[in-house]
N, C-alpha and C. Protein backbone atom coordinates (compact mmCIF):
# COMPACT_ATOMS: atom_id res chain seq x y z
N MET A 1 6.65 23.92 4.64
CA MET A 1 6.32 23.67 5.80
C MET A 1 6.38 22.26 6.70
N LYS A 2 7.21 22.62 7.61
CA LYS A 2 7.45 21.67 8.80
C LYS A 2 6.63 20.97 9.17
N PRO A 3 6.60 19.74 9.85
CA PRO A 3 5.63 19.07 10.31
C PRO A 3 5.76 19.19 11.99
N THR A 4 4.49 19.11 12.43
CA THR A 4 5.16 19.29 14.11
C THR A 4 5.20 17.91 14.57
N TYR A 5 5.87 17.42 15.48
CA TYR A 5 5.86 16.03 15.57
C TYR A 5 5.57 15.93 17.53
N PRO A 6 4.84 14.91 17.82
CA PRO A 6 4.46 13.71 17.10
C PRO A 6 3.39 13.94 15.84
N LEU A 7 3.54 13.54 14.88
CA LEU A 7 2.54 13.31 13.92
C LEU A 7 1.34 12.50 14.13
N ASN A 8 0.12 12.93 13.57
CA ASN A 8 -1.30 12.26 13.81
C ASN A 8 -1.63 11.61 12.62
N LYS A 9 -2.28 10.68 12.87
CA LYS A 9 -2.84 10.34 11.55
C LYS A 9 -2.98 10.84 10.50
N ALA A 10 -4.11 12.25 10.96
CA ALA A 10 -4.62 12.76 9.81
C ALA A 10 -3.61 13.84 9.31
N GLN A 11 -2.61 13.91 9.37
CA GLN A 11 -1.35 14.48 8.46
C GLN A 11 -0.76 13.34 8.09
N ILE A 12 -0.96 12.14 7.70
CA ILE A 12 -0.31 11.23 7.04
C ILE A 12 -0.96 10.54 6.06
N THR A 13 -0.48 10.32 5.05
CA THR A 13 -1.15 9.73 3.68
C THR A 13 -0.10 8.37 3.26
N GLY A 14 -0.90 7.39 3.32
CA GLY A 14 0.72 6.03 3.10
C GLY A 14 -0.02 6.03 1.53
N TRP A 15 1.24 5.38 0.72
CA TRP A 15 1.51 5.06 -0.50
C TRP A 15 1.61 3.61 -0.68
N VAL A 16 1.15 2.91 -1.57
CA VAL A 16 1.34 1.27 -1.88
C VAL A 16 1.87 1.32 -3.18
N LEU A 17 3.01 0.86 -3.44
CA LEU A 17 3.67 1.19 -4.95
C LEU A 17 3.45 -0.26 -5.55
N ALA A 18 2.40 -0.03 -6.61
CA ALA A 18 2.12 -1.46 -7.21
C ALA A 18 2.13 -0.91 -8.64
N GLY A 19 3.72 -0.60 -9.43
CA GLY A 19 3.70 -0.71 -10.63
C GLY A 19 4.79 -1.35 -11.06
N GLY A 20 5.13 -1.59 -12.02
CA GLY A 20 6.22 -2.34 -12.65
C GLY A 20 5.90 -3.47 -13.71
N GLN A 21 6.50 -4.18 -14.14
CA GLN A 21 6.44 -5.30 -15.24
C GLN A 21 6.51 -6.60 -15.01
N SER A 22 6.47 -6.59 -13.45
CA SER A 22 6.82 -8.26 -12.87
C SER A 22 7.65 -9.18 -14.00
N SER A 23 8.63 -8.96 -14.46
CA SER A 23 9.46 -9.47 -15.71
C SER A 23 10.35 -10.75 -14.81
N ARG A 24 10.60 -10.77 -13.44
CA ARG A 24 11.06 -12.12 -12.96
C ARG A 24 9.71 -12.93 -12.77
N MET A 25 8.70 -12.26 -12.67
CA MET A 25 7.25 -13.40 -12.57
C MET A 25 6.48 -13.66 -13.77
N GLY A 26 7.54 -13.59 -14.88
CA GLY A 26 6.81 -14.05 -16.10
C GLY A 26 5.79 -12.75 -16.85
N GLY A 27 5.80 -11.65 -16.10
CA GLY A 27 4.58 -10.94 -16.47
C GLY A 27 3.63 -10.79 -15.39
N VAL A 28 3.18 -11.71 -14.73
CA VAL A 28 2.00 -11.81 -14.09
C VAL A 28 2.11 -10.61 -12.70
N ASP A 29 0.81 -9.72 -12.75
CA ASP A 29 0.64 -8.75 -11.86
C ASP A 29 0.67 -9.26 -10.48
N LYS A 30 1.71 -8.92 -9.75
CA LYS A 30 2.13 -9.62 -8.22
C LYS A 30 0.96 -8.96 -7.47
N GLY A 31 0.46 -7.60 -7.34
CA GLY A 31 -0.41 -7.11 -6.69
C GLY A 31 -2.07 -7.71 -6.85
N LEU A 32 -1.86 -8.67 -7.83
CA LEU A 32 -3.64 -9.16 -7.74
C LEU A 32 -3.18 -10.80 -7.79
N LEU A 33 -2.22 -11.39 -7.56
CA LEU A 33 -2.07 -12.45 -7.00
C LEU A 33 -2.76 -12.59 -5.63
N THR A 34 -3.24 -13.61 -5.25
CA THR A 34 -4.00 -14.02 -3.98
C THR A 34 -3.25 -14.74 -2.71
N PHE A 35 -3.31 -14.14 -1.63
CA PHE A 35 -2.69 -14.85 -0.79
C PHE A 35 -4.20 -15.48 0.57
N GLN A 36 -4.21 -16.34 0.66
CA GLN A 36 -5.34 -16.22 1.87
C GLN A 36 -6.64 -15.80 1.74
N GLY A 37 -6.93 -15.52 0.08
CA GLY A 37 -8.30 -15.37 -0.32
C GLY A 37 -8.34 -13.47 -0.39
N GLN A 38 -7.13 -13.18 -0.50
CA GLN A 38 -7.15 -11.75 -0.94
C GLN A 38 -6.06 -11.49 -1.71
N THR A 39 -5.90 -10.39 -2.71
CA THR A 39 -4.94 -10.17 -3.45
C THR A 39 -4.07 -9.21 -2.21
N LEU A 40 -2.53 -9.32 -3.10
CA LEU A 40 -1.44 -8.66 -1.94
C LEU A 40 -1.87 -6.99 -2.23
N VAL A 41 -1.98 -6.37 -2.96
CA VAL A 41 -2.82 -5.07 -2.68
C VAL A 41 -3.58 -4.90 -1.82
N GLN A 42 -4.69 -5.60 -1.51
CA GLN A 42 -5.81 -5.57 -0.54
C GLN A 42 -5.23 -5.76 0.59
N ARG A 43 -3.99 -6.87 0.77
CA ARG A 43 -3.47 -7.05 1.75
C ARG A 43 -2.46 -5.96 2.56
N ALA A 44 -2.11 -5.21 1.72
CA ALA A 44 -1.01 -3.93 2.23
C ALA A 44 -2.04 -2.96 2.42
N ILE A 45 -3.03 -2.64 1.73
CA ILE A 45 -3.91 -1.58 2.12
C ILE A 45 -4.41 -1.86 3.48
N GLU A 46 -5.01 -3.15 3.74
CA GLU A 46 -5.69 -3.22 5.21
C GLU A 46 -4.67 -3.10 6.36
N ARG A 47 -3.24 -3.15 5.88
CA ARG A 47 -2.29 -3.38 7.02
C ARG A 47 -1.83 -1.48 7.28
N LEU A 48 -1.89 -0.96 5.86
CA LEU A 48 -1.78 0.37 5.88
C LEU A 48 -2.81 1.46 6.80
N GLN A 49 -3.91 0.97 6.35
CA GLN A 49 -4.83 1.99 6.63
C GLN A 49 -4.95 1.97 8.36
N PRO A 50 -5.19 1.48 8.84
CA PRO A 50 -5.15 1.87 10.40
C PRO A 50 -4.34 2.77 10.89
N GLN A 51 -2.96 3.24 10.04
CA GLN A 51 -1.99 4.02 10.74
C GLN A 51 -1.98 4.82 9.92
N VAL A 52 -2.86 5.40 9.12
CA VAL A 52 -2.76 6.87 8.06
C VAL A 52 -4.38 7.40 7.84
N HIS A 53 -4.11 8.50 7.28
CA HIS A 53 -5.72 9.13 7.23
C HIS A 53 -6.05 8.84 5.68
N SER A 54 -5.11 8.56 4.89
CA SER A 54 -5.74 8.05 3.66
C SER A 54 -4.54 7.19 3.10
N VAL A 55 -4.88 6.37 1.86
CA VAL A 55 -4.11 5.50 1.22
C VAL A 55 -4.44 5.73 0.01
N MET A 56 -3.02 6.08 -0.71
CA MET A 56 -3.06 5.85 -2.26
C MET A 56 -2.33 4.94 -2.74
N VAL A 57 -2.88 3.95 -4.03
CA VAL A 57 -2.19 3.06 -4.86
C VAL A 57 -1.89 3.89 -6.04
């Protein structure tokens, strides 16, 4: 099925990739690090959410 253009929010699912071993960070889970009171995963979701229908992590 080919999408029709322009796409609207209802047609888009956003993905936040949050896996990996964090070997360069000494095994610390980067997604759970906090910046200005929020985890990095929370910040990514908040910025993506207004642009898509749903967000998957």
